[in-house]
């Protein structure tokens, strides 16, 4: 279709592991892109694809649907002009069972790419670029003195 039809924009919504060639081919043909996240599972390859898109001069966007909800619009308006000291996000959802490739990290990138990137994108959209990151780690509940 890309070879035979005049296309202004292409929405790429196949699994991540399957859409690399589509992005490059479309960009080289001057077709604008809306790509489902993540852009790619390998950072160096994502940079190469970005370079092809920039060189072609096409518009591209990655699909983070929470940016476009009415709740996000209201929250963005509420936060305007306010200084935010910190932000914490949680993702509470299970992996869908009807998409077997989501369970294969080499194909989906795992929960980090399938879900957590939504939190990162939304926090950057609402609060701006990250200035500092803080993390805690634990290996379970520790029992001391039988308590």
N, C-alpha and C. Protein backbone atom coordinates (compact mmCIF):
# COMPACT_ATOMS: atom_id res chain seq x y z
N UNK A 1 0.82 -1.19 0.00
CA UNK A 1 0.00 0.00 0.00
C UNK A 1 0.88 1.27 0.00
N UNK A 2 1.94 1.27 0.78
CA UNK A 2 2.83 2.43 0.82
C UNK A 2 3.45 2.68 -0.55
N UNK A 3 3.72 1.63 -1.27
CA UNK A 3 4.32 1.76 -2.60
C UNK A 3 3.32 2.22 -3.66
N UNK A 4 2.05 1.83 -3.53
CA UNK A 4 1.10 2.05 -4.62
C UNK A 4 0.08 3.17 -4.40
N UNK A 5 -0.08 3.64 -3.16
CA UNK A 5 -1.10 4.65 -2.86
C UNK A 5 -0.47 5.95 -2.38
N UNK A 6 -1.20 7.05 -2.57
CA UNK A 6 -0.78 8.35 -2.03
C UNK A 6 -1.32 8.42 -0.60
N UNK A 7 -0.41 8.42 0.37
CA UNK A 7 -0.80 8.41 1.78
C UNK A 7 -0.22 9.64 2.45
N UNK A 8 -1.06 10.38 3.18
CA UNK A 8 -0.59 11.56 3.91
C UNK A 8 -0.05 11.19 5.28
N UNK A 9 -0.72 10.25 5.96
CA UNK A 9 -0.31 9.87 7.32
C UNK A 9 -0.58 8.39 7.52
N UNK A 10 0.21 7.80 8.39
CA UNK A 10 0.10 6.38 8.67
C UNK A 10 0.02 6.17 10.18
N UNK A 11 -0.95 5.42 10.62
CA UNK A 11 -1.09 5.05 12.02
C UNK A 11 -0.54 3.64 12.16
N UNK A 12 0.57 3.49 12.86
CA UNK A 12 1.21 2.18 13.01
C UNK A 12 0.78 1.61 14.36
N UNK A 13 -0.02 0.57 14.31
CA UNK A 13 -0.57 0.01 15.56
C UNK A 13 -0.37 -1.49 15.66
N UNK A 14 0.67 -1.98 15.04
CA UNK A 14 1.03 -3.39 15.19
C UNK A 14 1.99 -3.51 16.37
N UNK A 15 2.20 -4.71 16.90
CA UNK A 15 3.12 -4.87 18.03
C UNK A 15 4.49 -4.26 17.74
N UNK A 16 5.13 -3.77 18.77
CA UNK A 16 6.41 -3.07 18.66
C UNK A 16 7.44 -3.84 17.84
N UNK A 17 7.56 -5.13 18.09
CA UNK A 17 8.59 -5.91 17.40
C UNK A 17 8.35 -5.98 15.90
N UNK A 18 7.17 -5.58 15.44
CA UNK A 18 6.82 -5.72 14.03
C UNK A 18 6.80 -4.41 13.24
N UNK A 19 7.03 -3.26 13.89
CA UNK A 19 6.83 -2.03 13.11
C UNK A 19 8.07 -1.21 12.74
N UNK A 20 9.26 -1.72 12.94
CA UNK A 20 10.48 -0.97 12.59
C UNK A 20 10.53 -0.62 11.11
N UNK A 21 10.40 -1.58 10.26
CA UNK A 21 10.51 -1.33 8.82
C UNK A 21 9.42 -0.40 8.32
N UNK A 22 8.24 -0.47 8.92
CA UNK A 22 7.13 0.40 8.50
C UNK A 22 7.48 1.87 8.73
N UNK A 23 8.06 2.18 9.89
CA UNK A 23 8.40 3.57 10.21
C UNK A 23 9.42 4.11 9.23
N UNK A 24 10.44 3.34 8.97
CA UNK A 24 11.52 3.79 8.08
C UNK A 24 11.00 3.95 6.66
N UNK A 25 10.28 2.98 6.17
CA UNK A 25 9.75 3.04 4.81
C UNK A 25 8.79 4.23 4.65
N UNK A 26 7.89 4.40 5.62
CA UNK A 26 6.93 5.51 5.54
C UNK A 26 7.64 6.86 5.59
N UNK A 27 8.60 7.01 6.50
CA UNK A 27 9.31 8.28 6.61
C UNK A 27 10.05 8.61 5.32
N UNK A 28 10.71 7.62 4.74
CA UNK A 28 11.44 7.85 3.49
C UNK A 28 10.51 8.24 2.35
N UNK A 29 9.23 7.84 2.44
CA UNK A 29 8.23 8.19 1.43
C UNK A 29 7.53 9.51 1.74
N UNK A 30 7.94 10.16 2.86
CA UNK A 30 7.34 11.44 3.22
C UNK A 30 5.98 11.33 3.90
N UNK A 31 5.70 10.16 4.46
CA UNK A 31 4.41 9.92 5.12
C UNK A 31 4.54 10.23 6.61
N UNK A 32 3.65 11.09 7.12
CA UNK A 32 3.65 11.43 8.54
C UNK A 32 3.21 10.22 9.36
N UNK A 33 3.71 10.14 10.62
CA UNK A 33 3.52 8.93 11.41
C UNK A 33 2.89 9.17 12.78
N UNK A 34 1.98 8.29 13.14
CA UNK A 34 1.51 8.16 14.52
C UNK A 34 1.83 6.72 14.89
N UNK A 35 2.73 6.55 15.85
CA UNK A 35 3.24 5.22 16.19
C UNK A 35 2.82 4.84 17.59
N UNK A 36 2.28 3.65 17.73
CA UNK A 36 1.98 3.14 19.07
C UNK A 36 3.28 2.94 19.82
N UNK A 37 3.26 3.20 21.09
CA UNK A 37 4.45 3.06 21.92
C UNK A 37 4.71 1.60 22.22
N UNK A 38 5.93 1.31 22.58
CA UNK A 38 7.12 2.15 22.47
C UNK A 38 7.60 2.22 21.03
N UNK A 39 8.39 3.23 20.76
CA UNK A 39 8.90 3.42 19.40
C UNK A 39 9.75 2.22 18.97
N UNK A 40 10.57 1.73 19.88
CA UNK A 40 11.40 0.57 19.59
C UNK A 40 11.89 -0.02 20.90
N UNK A 41 12.32 -1.24 20.89
CA UNK A 41 12.81 -1.90 22.10
C UNK A 41 14.30 -1.69 22.34
N UNK A 42 15.01 -1.21 21.32
CA UNK A 42 16.45 -0.99 21.41
C UNK A 42 16.74 0.49 21.21
N UNK A 43 17.40 1.13 22.17
CA UNK A 43 17.63 2.56 22.15
C UNK A 43 18.41 3.00 20.92
N UNK A 44 19.46 2.29 20.57
CA UNK A 44 20.27 2.68 19.40
C UNK A 44 19.44 2.61 18.12
N UNK A 45 18.61 1.59 18.02
CA UNK A 45 17.75 1.46 16.83
C UNK A 45 16.70 2.57 16.82
N UNK A 46 16.17 2.92 17.97
CA UNK A 46 15.20 4.02 18.07
C UNK A 46 15.85 5.34 17.62
N UNK A 47 17.10 5.54 18.00
CA UNK A 47 17.82 6.75 17.58
C UNK A 47 18.00 6.77 16.07
N UNK A 48 18.31 5.61 15.49
CA UNK A 48 18.47 5.52 14.03
C UNK A 48 17.16 5.85 13.32
N UNK A 49 16.07 5.29 13.83
CA UNK A 49 14.76 5.56 13.24
C UNK A 49 14.42 7.04 13.37
N UNK A 50 14.72 7.64 14.53
CA UNK A 50 14.48 9.06 14.73
C UNK A 50 15.26 9.90 13.72
N UNK A 51 16.48 9.50 13.46
CA UNK A 51 17.31 10.21 12.48
C UNK A 51 16.69 10.15 11.09
N UNK A 52 16.18 8.99 10.71
CA UNK A 52 15.53 8.84 9.40
C UNK A 52 14.30 9.74 9.33
N UNK A 53 13.52 9.78 10.40
CA UNK A 53 12.30 10.61 10.44
C UNK A 53 12.67 12.09 10.34
N UNK A 54 13.68 12.53 11.09
CA UNK A 54 14.11 13.93 11.04
C UNK A 54 14.62 14.30 9.66
N UNK A 55 15.42 13.44 9.08
CA UNK A 55 15.97 13.69 7.75
C UNK A 55 14.85 13.82 6.71
N UNK A 56 13.81 13.00 6.86
CA UNK A 56 12.69 13.01 5.92
C UNK A 56 11.79 14.23 6.13
N UNK A 57 11.87 14.85 7.31
CA UNK A 57 11.05 16.03 7.58
C UNK A 57 9.58 15.73 7.80
N UNK A 58 9.28 14.52 8.22
CA UNK A 58 7.87 14.18 8.47
C UNK A 58 7.52 14.43 9.94
N UNK A 59 6.24 14.61 10.19
CA UNK A 59 5.75 14.77 11.56
C UNK A 59 5.55 13.38 12.13
N UNK A 60 5.99 13.18 13.38
CA UNK A 60 5.76 11.89 14.02
C UNK A 60 5.28 12.13 15.45
N UNK A 61 4.50 11.19 15.94
CA UNK A 61 3.96 11.27 17.29
C UNK A 61 3.85 9.85 17.83
N UNK A 62 4.10 9.71 19.12
CA UNK A 62 3.98 8.41 19.77
C UNK A 62 2.67 8.38 20.55
N UNK A 63 1.94 7.26 20.48
CA UNK A 63 0.62 7.15 21.08
C UNK A 63 0.59 6.98 22.58
N UNK A 64 0.41 8.07 23.29
CA UNK A 64 0.19 8.04 24.74
C UNK A 64 -1.19 8.64 24.98
N UNK A 65 -2.21 7.78 25.05
CA UNK A 65 -3.58 8.24 25.04
C UNK A 65 -3.99 9.07 26.25
N UNK A 66 -3.28 8.95 27.38
CA UNK A 66 -3.70 9.70 28.56
C UNK A 66 -3.51 11.20 28.39
N UNK A 67 -2.67 11.62 27.48
CA UNK A 67 -2.52 13.05 27.19
C UNK A 67 -3.82 13.65 26.64
N UNK A 68 -4.65 12.83 26.06
CA UNK A 68 -5.81 13.33 25.34
C UNK A 68 -7.13 13.14 26.07
N UNK A 69 -7.08 12.80 27.35
CA UNK A 69 -8.32 12.60 28.11
C UNK A 69 -8.78 13.93 28.72
N UNK A 70 -10.07 14.06 28.96
CA UNK A 70 -10.59 15.28 29.54
C UNK A 70 -10.09 15.48 30.97
N UNK A 71 -9.83 14.40 31.69
CA UNK A 71 -9.30 14.51 33.05
C UNK A 71 -7.90 15.13 33.02
N UNK A 72 -7.09 14.73 32.04
CA UNK A 72 -5.75 15.30 31.90
C UNK A 72 -5.83 16.78 31.58
N UNK A 73 -6.76 17.17 30.70
CA UNK A 73 -6.95 18.59 30.39
C UNK A 73 -7.29 19.39 31.64
N UNK A 74 -8.21 18.87 32.45
CA UNK A 74 -8.61 19.55 33.68
C UNK A 74 -7.45 19.65 34.66
N UNK A 75 -6.69 18.57 34.80
CA UNK A 75 -5.56 18.56 35.71
C UNK A 75 -4.48 19.54 35.25
N UNK A 76 -4.21 19.58 33.95
CA UNK A 76 -3.21 20.50 33.42
C UNK A 76 -3.61 21.95 33.71
N UNK A 77 -4.89 22.27 33.54
CA UNK A 77 -5.37 23.62 33.84
C UNK A 77 -5.25 23.92 35.34
N UNK A 78 -5.59 22.96 36.17
CA UNK A 78 -5.50 23.13 37.62
C UNK A 78 -4.05 23.38 38.07
N UNK A 79 -3.12 22.67 37.46
CA UNK A 79 -1.71 22.76 37.85
C UNK A 79 -1.00 24.00 37.31
N UNK A 80 -1.60 24.66 36.33
CA UNK A 80 -0.94 25.81 35.69
C UNK A 80 -0.54 26.86 36.73
N UNK A 81 0.74 27.20 36.71
CA UNK A 81 1.26 28.21 37.61
C UNK A 81 1.61 27.71 39.01
N UNK A 82 1.32 26.45 39.28
CA UNK A 82 1.64 25.88 40.59
C UNK A 82 3.00 25.20 40.53
N UNK A 83 3.72 25.24 41.64
CA UNK A 83 5.00 24.56 41.72
C UNK A 83 4.79 23.19 42.35
N UNK A 84 5.25 22.15 41.70
CA UNK A 84 5.09 20.79 42.19
C UNK A 84 6.41 20.34 42.82
N UNK A 85 6.36 19.90 44.07
CA UNK A 85 7.57 19.48 44.76
C UNK A 85 7.97 18.06 44.44
N UNK A 86 6.99 17.17 44.33
CA UNK A 86 7.31 15.78 44.00
C UNK A 86 6.09 15.11 43.39
N UNK A 87 6.34 14.00 42.78
CA UNK A 87 5.27 13.25 42.12
C UNK A 87 5.56 11.76 42.29
N UNK A 88 4.54 11.00 42.60
CA UNK A 88 4.68 9.54 42.67
C UNK A 88 3.58 8.93 41.81
N UNK A 89 3.91 7.93 41.05
CA UNK A 89 2.93 7.29 40.18
C UNK A 89 2.91 5.79 40.39
N UNK A 90 1.75 5.20 40.20
CA UNK A 90 1.58 3.75 40.28
C UNK A 90 0.76 3.29 39.09
N UNK A 91 1.02 2.10 38.64
CA UNK A 91 0.23 1.50 37.57
C UNK A 91 -0.39 0.23 38.13
N UNK A 92 -1.70 0.20 38.17
CA UNK A 92 -2.41 -0.95 38.71
C UNK A 92 -3.23 -1.61 37.62
N UNK A 93 -2.64 -2.57 36.97
CA UNK A 93 -3.31 -3.28 35.89
C UNK A 93 -2.57 -4.57 35.66
N UNK A 94 -3.24 -5.54 35.11
CA UNK A 94 -2.57 -6.79 34.75
C UNK A 94 -2.28 -6.80 33.26
N UNK A 95 -1.40 -7.67 32.86
CA UNK A 95 -1.10 -7.82 31.44
C UNK A 95 -2.27 -8.55 30.79
N UNK A 96 -2.78 -8.03 29.67
CA UNK A 96 -3.89 -8.70 28.99
C UNK A 96 -3.52 -10.10 28.53
N UNK A 97 -4.40 -11.05 28.71
CA UNK A 97 -4.12 -12.43 28.34
C UNK A 97 -4.37 -12.72 26.87
N UNK A 98 -5.09 -11.82 26.17
CA UNK A 98 -5.44 -12.09 24.78
C UNK A 98 -4.36 -11.65 23.80
N UNK A 99 -3.26 -11.14 24.27
CA UNK A 99 -2.15 -10.73 23.40
C UNK A 99 -0.89 -11.44 23.88
N UNK A 100 -0.68 -12.63 23.40
CA UNK A 100 0.42 -13.47 23.88
C UNK A 100 1.77 -12.80 23.77
N UNK A 101 1.98 -11.96 22.75
CA UNK A 101 3.29 -11.31 22.58
C UNK A 101 3.61 -10.35 23.71
N UNK A 102 2.61 -9.81 24.43
CA UNK A 102 2.88 -8.91 25.56
C UNK A 102 3.61 -9.64 26.68
N UNK A 103 3.45 -10.93 26.77
CA UNK A 103 4.08 -11.73 27.82
C UNK A 103 5.53 -12.07 27.50
N UNK A 104 5.98 -11.77 26.29
CA UNK A 104 7.35 -12.07 25.87
C UNK A 104 8.14 -10.76 25.87
N UNK A 105 9.02 -10.58 26.85
CA UNK A 105 9.73 -9.31 27.02
C UNK A 105 10.49 -8.90 25.77
N UNK A 106 11.06 -9.86 25.05
CA UNK A 106 11.81 -9.54 23.83
C UNK A 106 10.91 -8.94 22.75
N UNK A 107 9.61 -9.16 22.83
CA UNK A 107 8.68 -8.63 21.83
C UNK A 107 7.96 -7.38 22.31
N UNK A 108 7.69 -7.27 23.60
CA UNK A 108 6.91 -6.13 24.12
C UNK A 108 7.76 -5.13 24.89
N UNK A 109 8.88 -5.59 25.41
CA UNK A 109 9.68 -4.76 26.28
C UNK A 109 9.27 -4.90 27.74
N UNK A 110 8.23 -5.68 27.99
CA UNK A 110 7.75 -5.90 29.36
C UNK A 110 6.90 -4.76 29.86
N UNK A 111 6.56 -4.82 31.13
CA UNK A 111 5.68 -3.83 31.75
C UNK A 111 6.25 -2.42 31.64
N UNK A 112 7.58 -2.29 31.66
CA UNK A 112 8.18 -0.97 31.56
C UNK A 112 7.76 -0.27 30.27
N UNK A 113 7.78 -0.97 29.17
CA UNK A 113 7.42 -0.38 27.89
C UNK A 113 5.93 -0.39 27.62
N UNK A 114 5.23 -1.38 28.14
CA UNK A 114 3.80 -1.47 27.86
C UNK A 114 2.96 -0.55 28.72
N UNK A 115 3.36 -0.34 29.97
CA UNK A 115 2.52 0.43 30.88
C UNK A 115 3.24 1.61 31.53
N UNK A 116 4.40 1.37 32.10
CA UNK A 116 5.06 2.38 32.91
C UNK A 116 5.45 3.61 32.10
N UNK A 117 5.71 3.44 30.81
CA UNK A 117 6.04 4.62 30.00
C UNK A 117 4.88 5.61 29.95
N UNK A 118 3.65 5.12 30.14
CA UNK A 118 2.49 6.04 30.21
C UNK A 118 2.65 6.98 31.40
N UNK A 119 3.07 6.45 32.55
CA UNK A 119 3.28 7.28 33.74
C UNK A 119 4.39 8.30 33.51
N UNK A 120 5.45 7.86 32.89
CA UNK A 120 6.57 8.77 32.62
C UNK A 120 6.13 9.87 31.67
N UNK A 121 5.46 9.50 30.59
CA UNK A 121 4.99 10.50 29.63
C UNK A 121 4.02 11.48 30.28
N UNK A 122 3.05 10.97 31.02
CA UNK A 122 2.05 11.83 31.65
C UNK A 122 2.68 12.76 32.68
N UNK A 123 3.63 12.26 33.46
CA UNK A 123 4.27 13.12 34.46
C UNK A 123 5.08 14.23 33.78
N UNK A 124 5.77 13.92 32.70
CA UNK A 124 6.52 14.95 31.96
C UNK A 124 5.56 15.96 31.34
N UNK A 125 4.44 15.49 30.82
CA UNK A 125 3.45 16.37 30.19
C UNK A 125 2.83 17.32 31.22
N UNK A 126 2.53 16.80 32.40
CA UNK A 126 1.87 17.61 33.43
C UNK A 126 2.82 18.48 34.24
N UNK A 127 4.00 17.95 34.56
CA UNK A 127 4.89 18.62 35.50
C UNK A 127 6.18 19.17 34.89
N UNK A 128 6.50 18.80 33.66
CA UNK A 128 7.74 19.25 33.04
C UNK A 128 8.81 18.18 33.13
N UNK A 129 9.99 18.54 32.70
CA UNK A 129 11.09 17.58 32.67
C UNK A 129 11.56 17.22 34.08
N UNK A 130 12.04 16.02 34.21
CA UNK A 130 12.51 15.50 35.49
C UNK A 130 13.79 16.23 35.90
N UNK A 131 13.83 16.65 37.17
CA UNK A 131 15.03 17.31 37.70
C UNK A 131 15.80 16.38 38.63
N UNK A 132 15.09 15.49 39.31
CA UNK A 132 15.73 14.57 40.25
C UNK A 132 14.88 13.32 40.37
N UNK A 133 15.53 12.18 40.52
CA UNK A 133 14.84 10.91 40.69
C UNK A 133 15.24 10.31 42.03
N UNK A 134 14.26 9.77 42.73
CA UNK A 134 14.50 9.13 44.03
C UNK A 134 13.83 7.77 43.99
N UNK A 135 14.51 6.74 44.45
CA UNK A 135 13.94 5.39 44.43
C UNK A 135 14.30 4.66 45.71
N UNK A 136 13.43 3.78 46.10
CA UNK A 136 13.68 2.89 47.23
C UNK A 136 13.57 1.46 46.74
N UNK A 137 14.29 0.58 47.40
CA UNK A 137 14.22 -0.83 47.05
C UNK A 137 14.06 -1.64 48.32
N UNK A 138 13.34 -2.74 48.20
CA UNK A 138 13.25 -3.64 49.34
C UNK A 138 13.11 -5.06 48.81
N UNK A 139 13.45 -6.02 49.64
CA UNK A 139 13.37 -7.41 49.23
C UNK A 139 12.30 -8.15 50.02
N UNK A 140 11.32 -7.43 50.51
CA UNK A 140 10.23 -8.04 51.28
C UNK A 140 10.13 -7.42 52.65
N UNK A 141 9.24 -7.91 53.45
CA UNK A 141 9.06 -7.40 54.81
C UNK A 141 10.09 -8.06 55.72
N UNK A 142 10.83 -7.28 56.42
CA UNK A 142 11.86 -7.80 57.30
C UNK A 142 11.28 -8.01 58.69
N UNK A 143 11.58 -9.13 59.26
CA UNK A 143 11.10 -9.47 60.61
C UNK A 143 12.28 -9.34 61.58
N UNK A 144 12.08 -8.59 62.63
CA UNK A 144 13.15 -8.40 63.61
C UNK A 144 12.60 -8.76 65.00
N UNK A 145 13.33 -9.55 65.73
CA UNK A 145 12.94 -9.95 67.10
C UNK A 145 11.56 -10.58 67.15
N UNK A 146 11.19 -11.33 66.12
CA UNK A 146 9.91 -12.02 66.13
C UNK A 146 8.71 -11.14 65.92
N UNK A 147 8.91 -9.88 65.64
CA UNK A 147 7.78 -8.94 65.46
C UNK A 147 7.38 -8.91 64.00
